[in-house]
Full PDB file with SEQRES, HELIX, SHEET, SSBOND, CRYST1, ORIGX, SCALE, CONECT and MASTER records, all heavy atoms in Angstrom:
SEQRES   1 A   41  ALA LEU VAL ALA LYS ASP VAL LEU ALA ARG LEU SER ARG          
SEQRES   2 A   41  ARG CYS PRO LEU GLY ILE VAL THR GLY ARG PRO ARG LEU          
SEQRES   3 A   41  GLU ALA PHE VAL THR LEU ARG ARG LEU GLY LEU ASP GLY          
SEQRES   4 A   41  LEU PHE                                                      
HELIX    1 AA1 LYS A    5  ARG A   14  1                                  10    
HELIX    2 AA2 ARG A   25  ARG A   34  1                                  10    
CRYST1    1.000    1.000    1.000  90.00  90.00  90.00 P 1           1          
ORIGX1      1.000000  0.000000  0.000000        0.00000                         
ORIGX2      0.000000  1.000000  0.000000        0.00000                         
ORIGX3      0.000000  0.000000  1.000000        0.00000                         
SCALE1      1.000000  0.000000  0.000000        0.00000                         
SCALE2      0.000000  1.000000  0.000000        0.00000                         
SCALE3      0.000000  0.000000  1.000000        0.00000                         
ATOM      1  N   ALA A   1     -61.119 102.384 -47.920  1.00  0.00           N  
ATOM      2  CA  ALA A   1     -61.864 101.165 -48.220  1.00  0.00           C  
ATOM      3  C   ALA A   1     -63.368 101.442 -48.171  1.00  0.00           C  
ATOM      4  O   ALA A   1     -63.844 102.178 -47.308  1.00  0.00           O  
ATOM      5  CB  ALA A   1     -61.509 100.068 -47.225  1.00  0.00           C  
ATOM      6  N   LEU A   2     -64.104 100.862 -49.108  1.00  0.00           N  
ATOM      7  CA  LEU A   2     -65.558 100.997 -49.149  1.00  0.00           C  
ATOM      8  C   LEU A   2     -66.257  99.805 -48.508  1.00  0.00           C  
ATOM      9  O   LEU A   2     -67.484  99.818 -48.363  1.00  0.00           O  
ATOM     10  CB  LEU A   2     -66.031 101.135 -50.602  1.00  0.00           C  
ATOM     11  CG  LEU A   2     -65.729 102.476 -51.278  1.00  0.00           C  
ATOM     12  CD1 LEU A   2     -66.050 102.398 -52.760  1.00  0.00           C  
ATOM     13  CD2 LEU A   2     -66.520 103.597 -50.618  1.00  0.00           C  
ATOM     14  N   VAL A   3     -65.515  98.789 -48.166  1.00  0.00           N  
ATOM     15  CA  VAL A   3     -66.094  97.577 -47.588  1.00  0.00           C  
ATOM     16  C   VAL A   3     -65.321  97.211 -46.338  1.00  0.00           C  
ATOM     17  O   VAL A   3     -64.101  97.381 -46.277  1.00  0.00           O  
ATOM     18  CB  VAL A   3     -66.080  96.416 -48.613  1.00  0.00           C  
ATOM     19  CG1 VAL A   3     -64.672  96.098 -49.052  1.00  0.00           C  
ATOM     20  CG2 VAL A   3     -66.761  95.181 -48.063  1.00  0.00           C  
ATOM     21  N   ALA A   4     -66.034  96.725 -45.334  1.00  0.00           N  
ATOM     22  CA  ALA A   4     -65.380  96.323 -44.089  1.00  0.00           C  
ATOM     23  C   ALA A   4     -64.634  95.004 -44.280  1.00  0.00           C  
ATOM     24  O   ALA A   4     -65.121  94.101 -44.969  1.00  0.00           O  
ATOM     25  CB  ALA A   4     -66.420  96.183 -42.980  1.00  0.00           C  
ATOM     26  N   LYS A   5     -63.471  94.903 -43.666  1.00  0.00           N  
ATOM     27  CA  LYS A   5     -62.662  93.696 -43.810  1.00  0.00           C  
ATOM     28  C   LYS A   5     -63.406  92.470 -43.297  1.00  0.00           C  
ATOM     29  O   LYS A   5     -63.300  91.385 -43.875  1.00  0.00           O  
ATOM     30  CB  LYS A   5     -61.340  93.859 -43.054  1.00  0.00           C  
ATOM     31  CG  LYS A   5     -60.399  92.676 -43.235  1.00  0.00           C  
ATOM     32  CD  LYS A   5     -59.056  92.925 -42.582  1.00  0.00           C  
ATOM     33  CE  LYS A   5     -58.110  91.755 -42.819  1.00  0.00           C  
ATOM     34  NZ  LYS A   5     -56.765  91.988 -42.235  1.00  0.00           N  
ATOM     35  N   ASP A   6     -64.183  92.622 -42.220  1.00  0.00           N  
ATOM     36  CA  ASP A   6     -64.875  91.454 -41.677  1.00  0.00           C  
ATOM     37  C   ASP A   6     -65.947  90.940 -42.625  1.00  0.00           C  
ATOM     38  O   ASP A   6     -66.232  89.738 -42.658  1.00  0.00           O  
ATOM     39  CB  ASP A   6     -65.454  91.756 -40.295  1.00  0.00           C  
ATOM     40  CG  ASP A   6     -66.503  92.856 -40.324  1.00  0.00           C  
ATOM     41  OD1 ASP A   6     -66.383  93.770 -41.152  1.00  0.00           O  
ATOM     42  OD2 ASP A   6     -67.448  92.796 -39.517  1.00  0.00           O  
ATOM     43  N   VAL A   7     -66.541  91.830 -43.439  1.00  0.00           N  
ATOM     44  CA  VAL A   7     -67.507  91.390 -44.446  1.00  0.00           C  
ATOM     45  C   VAL A   7     -66.812  90.520 -45.484  1.00  0.00           C  
ATOM     46  O   VAL A   7     -67.294  89.434 -45.845  1.00  0.00           O  
ATOM     47  CB  VAL A   7     -68.196  92.596 -45.113  1.00  0.00           C  
ATOM     48  CG1 VAL A   7     -69.039  92.143 -46.298  1.00  0.00           C  
ATOM     49  CG2 VAL A   7     -69.057  93.343 -44.108  1.00  0.00           C  
ATOM     50  N   LEU A   8     -65.665  90.993 -45.982  1.00  0.00           N  
ATOM     51  CA  LEU A   8     -64.916  90.209 -46.959  1.00  0.00           C  
ATOM     52  C   LEU A   8     -64.434  88.893 -46.352  1.00  0.00           C  
ATOM     53  O   LEU A   8     -64.423  87.862 -47.035  1.00  0.00           O  
ATOM     54  CB  LEU A   8     -63.731  91.017 -47.474  1.00  0.00           C  
ATOM     55  CG  LEU A   8     -64.068  92.221 -48.363  1.00  0.00           C  
ATOM     56  CD1 LEU A   8     -62.809  93.016 -48.677  1.00  0.00           C  
ATOM     57  CD2 LEU A   8     -64.745  91.773 -49.646  1.00  0.00           C  
ATOM     58  N   ALA A   9     -64.041  88.921 -45.106  1.00  0.00           N  
ATOM     59  CA  ALA A   9     -63.575  87.700 -44.454  1.00  0.00           C  
ATOM     60  C   ALA A   9     -64.693  86.665 -44.393  1.00  0.00           C  
ATOM     61  O   ALA A   9     -64.474  85.470 -44.650  1.00  0.00           O  
ATOM     62  CB  ALA A   9     -63.046  88.013 -43.056  1.00  0.00           C  
ATOM     63  N   ARG A  10     -65.905  87.104 -44.047  1.00  0.00           N  
ATOM     64  CA  ARG A  10     -67.047  86.178 -44.008  1.00  0.00           C  
ATOM     65  C   ARG A  10     -67.349  85.627 -45.397  1.00  0.00           C  
ATOM     66  O   ARG A  10     -67.610  84.436 -45.571  1.00  0.00           O  
ATOM     67  CB  ARG A  10     -68.281  86.872 -43.432  1.00  0.00           C  
ATOM     68  CG  ARG A  10     -68.234  87.104 -41.935  1.00  0.00           C  
ATOM     69  CD  ARG A  10     -69.607  87.404 -41.374  1.00  0.00           C  
ATOM     70  NE  ARG A  10     -70.197  88.598 -41.960  1.00  0.00           N  
ATOM     71  CZ  ARG A  10     -70.042  89.821 -41.479  1.00  0.00           C  
ATOM     72  NH1 ARG A  10     -69.265  90.035 -40.419  1.00  0.00           N  
ATOM     73  NH2 ARG A  10     -70.638  90.857 -42.042  1.00  0.00           N  
ATOM     74  N   LEU A  11     -67.318  86.517 -46.407  1.00  0.00           N  
ATOM     75  CA  LEU A  11     -67.565  86.074 -47.778  1.00  0.00           C  
ATOM     76  C   LEU A  11     -66.531  85.050 -48.224  1.00  0.00           C  
ATOM     77  O   LEU A  11     -66.862  84.057 -48.882  1.00  0.00           O  
ATOM     78  CB  LEU A  11     -67.560  87.279 -48.724  1.00  0.00           C  
ATOM     79  CG  LEU A  11     -68.719  88.266 -48.603  1.00  0.00           C  
ATOM     80  CD1 LEU A  11     -68.452  89.492 -49.461  1.00  0.00           C  
ATOM     81  CD2 LEU A  11     -70.038  87.615 -49.015  1.00  0.00           C  
ATOM     82  N   SER A  12     -65.270  85.275 -47.871  1.00  0.00           N  
ATOM     83  CA  SER A  12     -64.191  84.381 -48.308  1.00  0.00           C  
ATOM     84  C   SER A  12     -64.314  82.993 -47.691  1.00  0.00           C  
ATOM     85  O   SER A  12     -63.766  82.025 -48.228  1.00  0.00           O  
ATOM     86  CB  SER A  12     -62.829  84.988 -47.963  1.00  0.00           C  
ATOM     87  OG  SER A  12     -62.608  84.995 -46.567  1.00  0.00           O  
ATOM     88  N   ARG A  13     -65.038  82.886 -46.567  1.00  0.00           N  
ATOM     89  CA  ARG A  13     -65.249  81.569 -45.957  1.00  0.00           C  
ATOM     90  C   ARG A  13     -66.380  80.803 -46.648  1.00  0.00           C  
ATOM     91  O   ARG A  13     -66.516  79.594 -46.463  1.00  0.00           O  
ATOM     92  CB  ARG A  13     -65.549  81.723 -44.460  1.00  0.00           C  
ATOM     93  CG  ARG A  13     -64.341  82.164 -43.648  1.00  0.00           C  
ATOM     94  CD  ARG A  13     -64.573  82.020 -42.155  1.00  0.00           C  
ATOM     95  NE  ARG A  13     -65.511  83.014 -41.633  1.00  0.00           N  
ATOM     96  CZ  ARG A  13     -65.148  84.193 -41.147  1.00  0.00           C  
ATOM     97  NH1 ARG A  13     -63.865  84.542 -41.128  1.00  0.00           N  
ATOM     98  NH2 ARG A  13     -66.058  85.029 -40.674  1.00  0.00           N  
ATOM     99  N   ARG A  14     -67.160  81.516 -47.445  1.00  0.00           N  
ATOM    100  CA  ARG A  14     -68.290  80.880 -48.127  1.00  0.00           C  
ATOM    101  C   ARG A  14     -67.985  80.560 -49.590  1.00  0.00           C  
ATOM    102  O   ARG A  14     -68.546  79.626 -50.159  1.00  0.00           O  
ATOM    103  CB  ARG A  14     -69.512  81.795 -48.035  1.00  0.00           C  
ATOM    104  CG  ARG A  14     -69.919  82.084 -46.587  1.00  0.00           C  
ATOM    105  CD  ARG A  14     -71.116  82.986 -46.487  1.00  0.00           C  
ATOM    106  NE  ARG A  14     -72.340  82.348 -46.952  1.00  0.00           N  
ATOM    107  CZ  ARG A  14     -73.543  82.920 -46.895  1.00  0.00           C  
ATOM    108  NH1 ARG A  14     -73.662  84.136 -46.388  1.00  0.00           N  
ATOM    109  NH2 ARG A  14     -74.605  82.286 -47.331  1.00  0.00           N  
ATOM    110  N   CYS A  15     -67.108  81.342 -50.205  1.00  0.00           N  
ATOM    111  CA  CYS A  15     -66.701  81.070 -51.584  1.00  0.00           C  
ATOM    112  C   CYS A  15     -65.433  81.852 -51.873  1.00  0.00           C  
ATOM    113  O   CYS A  15     -65.127  82.827 -51.171  1.00  0.00           O  
ATOM    114  CB  CYS A  15     -67.810  81.449 -52.580  1.00  0.00           C  
ATOM    115  SG  CYS A  15     -68.083  83.225 -52.750  1.00  0.00           S  
ATOM    116  N   PRO A  16     -64.645  81.446 -52.879  1.00  0.00           N  
ATOM    117  CA  PRO A  16     -63.424  82.193 -53.196  1.00  0.00           C  
ATOM    118  C   PRO A  16     -63.737  83.580 -53.727  1.00  0.00           C  
ATOM    119  O   PRO A  16     -64.739  83.784 -54.421  1.00  0.00           O  
ATOM    120  CB  PRO A  16     -62.739  81.324 -54.256  1.00  0.00           C  
ATOM    121  CG  PRO A  16     -63.817  80.476 -54.823  1.00  0.00           C  
ATOM    122  CD  PRO A  16     -64.813  80.251 -53.724  1.00  0.00           C  
ATOM    123  N   LEU A  17     -62.868  84.531 -53.395  1.00  0.00           N  
ATOM    124  CA  LEU A  17     -63.005  85.912 -53.849  1.00  0.00           C  
ATOM    125  C   LEU A  17     -61.882  86.241 -54.820  1.00  0.00           C  
ATOM    126  O   LEU A  17     -60.766  85.729 -54.699  1.00  0.00           O  
ATOM    127  CB  LEU A  17     -62.944  86.887 -52.667  1.00  0.00           C  
ATOM    128  CG  LEU A  17     -63.864  86.639 -51.481  1.00  0.00           C  
ATOM    129  CD1 LEU A  17     -63.689  87.754 -50.442  1.00  0.00           C  
ATOM    130  CD2 LEU A  17     -65.314  86.518 -51.908  1.00  0.00           C  
ATOM    131  N   GLY A  18     -62.174  87.116 -55.765  1.00  0.00           N  
ATOM    132  CA  GLY A  18     -61.155  87.555 -56.712  1.00  0.00           C  
ATOM    133  C   GLY A  18     -61.367  89.010 -57.086  1.00  0.00           C  
ATOM    134  O   GLY A  18     -62.421  89.595 -56.802  1.00  0.00           O  
ATOM    135  N   ILE A  19     -60.371  89.587 -57.708  1.00  0.00           N  
ATOM    136  CA  ILE A  19     -60.423  90.971 -58.179  1.00  0.00           C  
ATOM    137  C   ILE A  19     -60.078  90.997 -59.658  1.00  0.00           C  
ATOM    138  O   ILE A  19     -59.142  90.304 -60.092  1.00  0.00           O  
ATOM    139  CB  ILE A  19     -59.438  91.861 -57.400  1.00  0.00           C  
ATOM    140  CG1 ILE A  19     -59.917  92.051 -55.953  1.00  0.00           C  
ATOM    141  CG2 ILE A  19     -59.265  93.228 -58.071  1.00  0.00           C  
ATOM    142  CD1 ILE A  19     -58.937  92.822 -55.081  1.00  0.00           C  
ATOM    143  N   VAL A  20     -60.820  91.779 -60.426  1.00  0.00           N  
ATOM    144  CA  VAL A  20     -60.478  92.072 -61.816  1.00  0.00           C  
ATOM    145  C   VAL A  20     -60.442  93.585 -61.936  1.00  0.00           C  
ATOM    146  O   VAL A  20     -61.475  94.251 -61.803  1.00  0.00           O  
ATOM    147  CB  VAL A  20     -61.496  91.472 -62.806  1.00  0.00           C  
ATOM    148  CG1 VAL A  20     -61.083  91.793 -64.244  1.00  0.00           C  
ATOM    149  CG2 VAL A  20     -61.631  89.965 -62.610  1.00  0.00           C  
ATOM    150  N   THR A  21     -59.259  94.135 -62.142  1.00  0.00           N  
ATOM    151  CA  THR A  21     -59.079  95.583 -62.079  1.00  0.00           C  
ATOM    152  C   THR A  21     -58.211  96.094 -63.217  1.00  0.00           C  
ATOM    153  O   THR A  21     -57.358  95.360 -63.737  1.00  0.00           O  
ATOM    154  CB  THR A  21     -58.432  95.979 -60.734  1.00  0.00           C  
ATOM    155  OG1 THR A  21     -58.198  97.398 -60.712  1.00  0.00           O  
ATOM    156  CG2 THR A  21     -57.115  95.265 -60.510  1.00  0.00           C  
ATOM    157  N   GLY A  22     -58.426  97.344 -63.571  1.00  0.00           N  
ATOM    158  CA  GLY A  22     -57.574  97.993 -64.574  1.00  0.00           C  
ATOM    159  C   GLY A  22     -56.300  98.556 -63.984  1.00  0.00           C  
ATOM    160  O   GLY A  22     -55.459  99.094 -64.717  1.00  0.00           O  
ATOM    161  N   ARG A  23     -56.115  98.437 -62.665  1.00  0.00           N  
ATOM    162  CA  ARG A  23     -54.873  98.909 -62.055  1.00  0.00           C  
ATOM    163  C   ARG A  23     -53.716  97.967 -62.391  1.00  0.00           C  
ATOM    164  O   ARG A  23     -53.921  96.759 -62.520  1.00  0.00           O  
ATOM    165  CB  ARG A  23     -55.004  98.958 -60.532  1.00  0.00           C  
ATOM    166  CG  ARG A  23     -55.961  99.983 -59.993  1.00  0.00           C  
ATOM    167  CD  ARG A  23     -55.782 100.120 -58.505  1.00  0.00           C  
ATOM    168  NE  ARG A  23     -56.753 101.036 -57.917  1.00  0.00           N  
ATOM    169  CZ  ARG A  23     -56.500 101.825 -56.891  1.00  0.00           C  
ATOM    170  NH1 ARG A  23     -55.311 101.805 -56.309  1.00  0.00           N  
ATOM    171  NH2 ARG A  23     -57.424 102.625 -56.405  1.00  0.00           N  
ATOM    172  N   PRO A  24     -52.503  98.484 -62.471  1.00  0.00           N  
ATOM    173  CA  PRO A  24     -51.329  97.603 -62.560  1.00  0.00           C  
ATOM    174  C   PRO A  24     -51.244  96.733 -61.306  1.00  0.00           C  
ATOM    175  O   PRO A  24     -51.674  97.138 -60.217  1.00  0.00           O  
ATOM    176  CB  PRO A  24     -50.153  98.575 -62.649  1.00  0.00           C  
ATOM    177  CG  PRO A  24     -50.753  99.848 -63.149  1.00  0.00           C  
ATOM    178  CD  PRO A  24     -52.134  99.907 -62.575  1.00  0.00           C  
ATOM    179  N   ARG A  25     -50.673  95.550 -61.446  1.00  0.00           N  
ATOM    180  CA  ARG A  25     -50.652  94.573 -60.364  1.00  0.00           C  
ATOM    181  C   ARG A  25     -49.977  95.119 -59.101  1.00  0.00           C  
ATOM    182  O   ARG A  25     -50.518  94.984 -57.995  1.00  0.00           O  
ATOM    183  CB  ARG A  25     -49.932  93.301 -60.830  1.00  0.00           C  
ATOM    184  CG  ARG A  25     -49.897  92.185 -59.786  1.00  0.00           C  
ATOM    185  CD  ARG A  25     -49.247  90.926 -60.347  1.00  0.00           C  
ATOM    186  NE  ARG A  25     -49.136  89.899 -59.344  1.00  0.00           N  
ATOM    187  CZ  ARG A  25     -50.113  89.056 -59.006  1.00  0.00           C  
ATOM    188  NH1 ARG A  25     -51.284  89.154 -59.601  1.00  0.00           N  
ATOM    189  NH2 ARG A  25     -49.929  88.133 -58.082  1.00  0.00           N  
ATOM    190  N   LEU A  26     -48.808  95.740 -59.245  1.00  0.00           N  
ATOM    191  CA  LEU A  26     -48.089  96.238 -58.074  1.00  0.00           C  
ATOM    192  C   LEU A  26     -48.912  97.282 -57.341  1.00  0.00           C  
ATOM    193  O   LEU A  26     -49.030  97.248 -56.105  1.00  0.00           O  
ATOM    194  CB  LEU A  26     -46.734  96.816 -58.484  1.00  0.00           C  
ATOM    195  CG  LEU A  26     -45.895  97.415 -57.340  1.00  0.00           C  
ATOM    196  CD1 LEU A  26     -45.598  96.356 -56.283  1.00  0.00           C  
ATOM    197  CD2 LEU A  26     -44.595  97.995 -57.898  1.00  0.00           C  
ATOM    198  N   GLU A  27     -49.495  98.205 -58.082  1.00  0.00           N  
ATOM    199  CA  GLU A  27     -50.313  99.245 -57.461  1.00  0.00           C  
ATOM    200  C   GLU A  27     -51.512  98.639 -56.745  1.00  0.00           C  
ATOM    201  O   GLU A  27     -51.879  99.065 -55.645  1.00  0.00           O  
ATOM    202  CB  GLU A  27     -50.789 100.240 -58.521  1.00  0.00           C  
ATOM    203  CG  GLU A  27     -51.644 101.361 -57.966  1.00  0.00           C  
ATOM    204  CD  GLU A  27     -52.266 102.199 -59.060  1.00  0.00           C  
ATOM    205  OE1 GLU A  27     -51.639 102.355 -60.133  1.00  0.00           O  
ATOM    206  OE2 GLU A  27     -53.392 102.693 -58.847  1.00  0.00           O  
ATOM    207  N   ALA A  28     -52.136  97.633 -57.359  1.00  0.00           N  
ATOM    208  CA  ALA A  28     -53.290  96.980 -56.739  1.00  0.00           C  
ATOM    209  C   ALA A  28     -52.902  96.344 -55.410  1.00  0.00           C  
ATOM    210  O   ALA A  28     -53.594  96.514 -54.396  1.00  0.00           O  
ATOM    211  CB  ALA A  28     -53.870  95.931 -57.684  1.00  0.00           C  
ATOM    212  N   PHE A  29     -51.794  95.621 -55.383  1.00  0.00           N  
ATOM    213  CA  PHE A  29     -51.387  94.933 -54.160  1.00  0.00           C  
ATOM    214  C   PHE A  29     -50.947  95.927 -53.079  1.00  0.00           C  
ATOM    215  O   PHE A  29     -51.235  95.715 -51.893  1.00  0.00           O  
ATOM    216  CB  PHE A  29     -50.282  93.921 -54.456  1.00  0.00           C  
ATOM    217  CG  PHE A  29     -50.803  92.593 -54.919  1.00  0.00           C  
ATOM    218  CD1 PHE A  29     -50.869  92.292 -56.271  1.00  0.00           C  
ATOM    219  CD2 PHE A  29     -51.250  91.657 -54.008  1.00  0.00           C  
ATOM    220  CE1 PHE A  29     -51.368  91.072 -56.703  1.00  0.00           C  
ATOM    221  CE2 PHE A  29     -51.741  90.432 -54.423  1.00  0.00           C  
ATOM    222  CZ  PHE A  29     -51.807  90.134 -55.776  1.00  0.00           C  
ATOM    223  N   VAL A  30     -50.250  96.981 -53.467  1.00  0.00           N  
ATOM    224  CA  VAL A  30     -49.838  97.990 -52.491  1.00  0.00           C  
ATOM    225  C   VAL A  30     -51.071  98.635 -51.858  1.00  0.00           C  
ATOM    226  O   VAL A  30     -51.126  98.850 -50.634  1.00  0.00           O  
ATOM    227  CB  VAL A  30     -48.942  99.049 -53.156  1.00  0.00           C  
ATOM    228  CG1 VAL A  30     -48.765 100.260 -52.242  1.00  0.00           C  
ATOM    229  CG2 VAL A  30     -47.581  98.450 -53.504  1.00  0.00           C  
ATOM    230  N   THR A  31     -52.079  98.943 -52.666  1.00  0.00           N  
ATOM    231  CA  THR A  31     -53.294  99.568 -52.154  1.00  0.00           C  
ATOM    232  C   THR A  31     -54.057  98.625 -51.233  1.00  0.00           C  
ATOM    233  O   THR A  31     -54.518  99.021 -50.157  1.00  0.00           O  
ATOM    234  CB  THR A  31     -54.198 100.013 -53.321  1.00  0.00           C  
ATOM    235  OG1 THR A  31     -53.499 100.982 -54.116  1.00  0.00           O  
ATOM    236  CG2 THR A  31     -55.498 100.623 -52.807  1.00  0.00           C  
ATOM    237  N   LEU A  32     -54.197  97.361 -51.632  1.00  0.00           N  
ATOM    238  CA  LEU A  32     -54.883  96.390 -50.780  1.00  0.00           C  
ATOM    239  C   LEU A  32     -54.178  96.243 -49.439  1.00  0.00           C  
ATOM    240  O   LEU A  32     -54.815  96.173 -48.386  1.00  0.00           O  
ATOM    241  CB  LEU A  32     -54.965  95.035 -51.485  1.00  0.00           C  
ATOM    242  CG  LEU A  32     -55.897  94.942 -52.702  1.00  0.00           C  
ATOM    243  CD1 LEU A  32     -55.726  93.603 -53.393  1.00  0.00           C  
ATOM    244  CD2 LEU A  32     -57.351  95.137 -52.283  1.00  0.00           C  
ATOM    245  N   ARG A  33     -52.851  96.218 -49.475  1.00  0.00           N  
ATOM    246  CA  ARG A  33     -52.086  96.075 -48.227  1.00  0.00           C  
ATOM    247  C   ARG A  33     -52.265  97.310 -47.347  1.00  0.00           C  
ATOM    248  O   ARG A  33     -52.457  97.197 -46.137  1.00  0.00           O  
ATOM    249  CB  ARG A  33     -50.614  95.852 -48.549  1.00  0.00           C  
ATOM    250  CG  ARG A  33     -49.757  95.547 -47.310  1.00  0.00           C  
ATOM    251  CD  ARG A  33     -48.321  95.270 -47.689  1.00  0.00           C  
ATOM    252  NE  ARG A  33     -48.224  94.174 -48.640  1.00  0.00           N  
ATOM    253  CZ  ARG A  33     -47.798  94.292 -49.895  1.00  0.00           C  
ATOM    254  NH1 ARG A  33     -47.437  95.485 -50.357  1.00  0.00           N  
ATOM    255  NH2 ARG A  33     -47.737  93.258 -50.699  1.00  0.00           N  
ATOM    256  N   ARG A  34     -52.202  98.484 -47.945  1.00  0.00           N  
ATOM    257  CA  ARG A  34     -52.316  99.718 -47.167  1.00  0.00           C  
ATOM    258  C   ARG A  34     -53.692  99.844 -46.527  1.00  0.00           C  
ATOM    259  O   ARG A  34     -53.827 100.374 -45.419  1.00  0.00           O  
ATOM    260  CB  ARG A  34     -52.049 100.935 -48.066  1.00  0.00           C  
ATOM    261  CG  ARG A  34     -52.001 102.255 -47.315  1.00  0.00           C  
ATOM    262  CD  ARG A  34     -51.563 103.391 -48.209  1.00  0.00           C  
ATOM    263  NE  ARG A  34     -52.439 103.559 -49.338  1.00  0.00           N  
ATOM    264  CZ  ARG A  34     -53.615 104.192 -49.287  1.00  0.00           C  
ATOM    265  NH1 ARG A  34     -54.029 104.707 -48.153  1.00  0.00           N  
ATOM    266  NH2 ARG A  34     -54.365 104.306 -50.362  1.00  0.00           N  
ATOM    267  N   LEU A  35     -54.729  99.328 -47.198  1.00  0.00           N  
ATOM    268  CA  LEU A  35     -56.090  99.417 -46.681  1.00  0.00           C  
ATOM    269  C   LEU A  35     -56.456  98.222 -45.806  1.00  0.00           C  
ATOM    270  O   LEU A  35     -57.586  98.143 -45.304  1.00  0.00           O  
ATOM    271  CB  LEU A  35     -57.086  99.544 -47.837  1.00  0.00           C  
ATOM    272  CG  LEU A  35     -56.946 100.794 -48.717  1.00  0.00           C  
ATOM    273  CD1 LEU A  35     -57.990 100.787 -49.817  1.00  0.00           C  
ATOM    274  CD2 LEU A  35     -57.054 102.065 -47.881  1.00  0.00           C  
ATOM    275  N   GLY A  36     -55.531  97.295 -45.630  1.00  0.00           N  
ATOM    276  CA  GLY A  36     -55.782  96.136 -44.785  1.00  0.00           C  
ATOM    277  C   GLY A  36     -56.687  95.095 -45.401  1.00  0.00           C  
ATOM    278  O   GLY A  36     -57.318  94.307 -44.696  1.00  0.00           O  
ATOM    279  N   LEU A  37     -56.755  95.060 -46.742  1.00  0.00           N  
ATOM    280  CA  LEU A  37     -57.622  94.117 -47.440  1.00  0.00           C  
ATOM    281  C   LEU A  37     -56.838  93.007 -48.126  1.00  0.00           C  
ATOM    282  O   LEU A  37     -57.429  92.184 -48.840  1.00  0.00           O  
ATOM    283  CB  LEU A  37     -58.480  94.855 -48.482  1.00  0.00           C  
ATOM    284  CG  LEU A  37     -59.372  95.980 -47.949  1.00  0.00           C  
ATOM    285  CD1 LEU A  37     -60.145  96.623 -49.091  1.00  0.00           C  
ATOM    286  CD2 LEU A  37     -60.321  95.472 -46.877  1.00  0.00           C  
ATOM    287  N   ASP A  38     -55.539  92.956 -47.930  1.00  0.00           N  
ATOM    288  CA  ASP A  38     -54.735  91.914 -48.571  1.00  0.00           C  
ATOM    289  C   ASP A  38     -54.961  90.573 -47.870  1.00  0.00           C  
ATOM    290  O   ASP A  38     -55.379  90.511 -46.716  1.00  0.00           O  
ATOM    291  CB  ASP A  38     -53.251  92.276 -48.543  1.00  0.00           C  
ATOM    292  CG  ASP A  38     -52.757  92.576 -47.132  1.00  0.00           C  
ATOM    293  OD1 ASP A  38     -53.522  93.191 -46.366  1.00  0.00           O  
ATOM    294  OD2 ASP A  38     -51.620  92.207 -46.801  1.00  0.00           O  
ATOM    295  N   GLY A  39     -54.699  89.498 -48.603  1.00  0.00           N  
ATOM    296  CA  GLY A  39     -54.836  88.160 -48.051  1.00  0.00           C  
ATOM    297  C   GLY A  39     -56.241  87.599 -48.102  1.00  0.00           C  
ATOM    298  O   GLY A  39     -56.469  86.463 -47.669  1.00  0.00           O  
ATOM    299  N   LEU A  40     -57.201  88.374 -48.621  1.00  0.00           N  
ATOM    300  CA  LEU A  40     -58.588  87.922 -48.666  1.00  0.00           C  
ATOM    301  C   LEU A  40     -59.007  87.420 -50.044  1.00  0.00           C  
ATOM    302  O   LEU A  40     -60.069  86.811 -50.175  1.00  0.00           O  
ATOM    303  CB  LEU A  40     -59.519  89.066 -48.255  1.00  0.00           C  
ATOM    304  CG  LEU A  40     -59.361  89.570 -46.819  1.00  0.00           C  
ATOM    305  CD1 LEU A  40     -60.137  90.871 -46.631  1.00  0.00           C  
ATOM    306  CD2 LEU A  40     -59.864  88.512 -45.837  1.00  0.00           C  
ATOM    307  N   PHE A  41     -58.166  87.652 -51.052  1.00  0.00           N  
ATOM    308  CA  PHE A  41     -58.536  87.345 -52.433  1.00  0.00           C  
ATOM    309  C   PHE A  41     -57.672  86.222 -52.984  1.00  0.00           C  
ATOM    310  O   PHE A  41     -56.438  86.267 -52.907  1.00  0.00           O  
ATOM    311  CB  PHE A  41     -58.422  88.601 -53.302  1.00  0.00           C  
ATOM    312  CG  PHE A  41     -59.307  89.719 -52.815  1.00  0.00           C  
ATOM    313  CD1 PHE A  41     -58.815  90.698 -51.958  1.00  0.00           C  
ATOM    314  CD2 PHE A  41     -60.645  89.768 -53.180  1.00  0.00           C  
ATOM    315  CE1 PHE A  41     -59.624  91.714 -51.487  1.00  0.00           C  
ATOM    316  CE2 PHE A  41     -61.464  90.783 -52.709  1.00  0.00           C  
ATOM    317  CZ  PHE A  41     -60.965  91.761 -51.863  1.00  0.00           C  
TER     318      PHE A  41                                                      
MASTER        0    0    0    2    0    0    0    6  317    1    0    4          
END                                                                             
């Protein structure tokens, strides 16, 4: 991960967060979960 989870958590309390990626959906979600970034977007 290039960003700390607590930074994203603070951002998500101020406005909605989203991802636009060229990865396939399953791969994107597996990676977010493995890095502990799921549930923030």
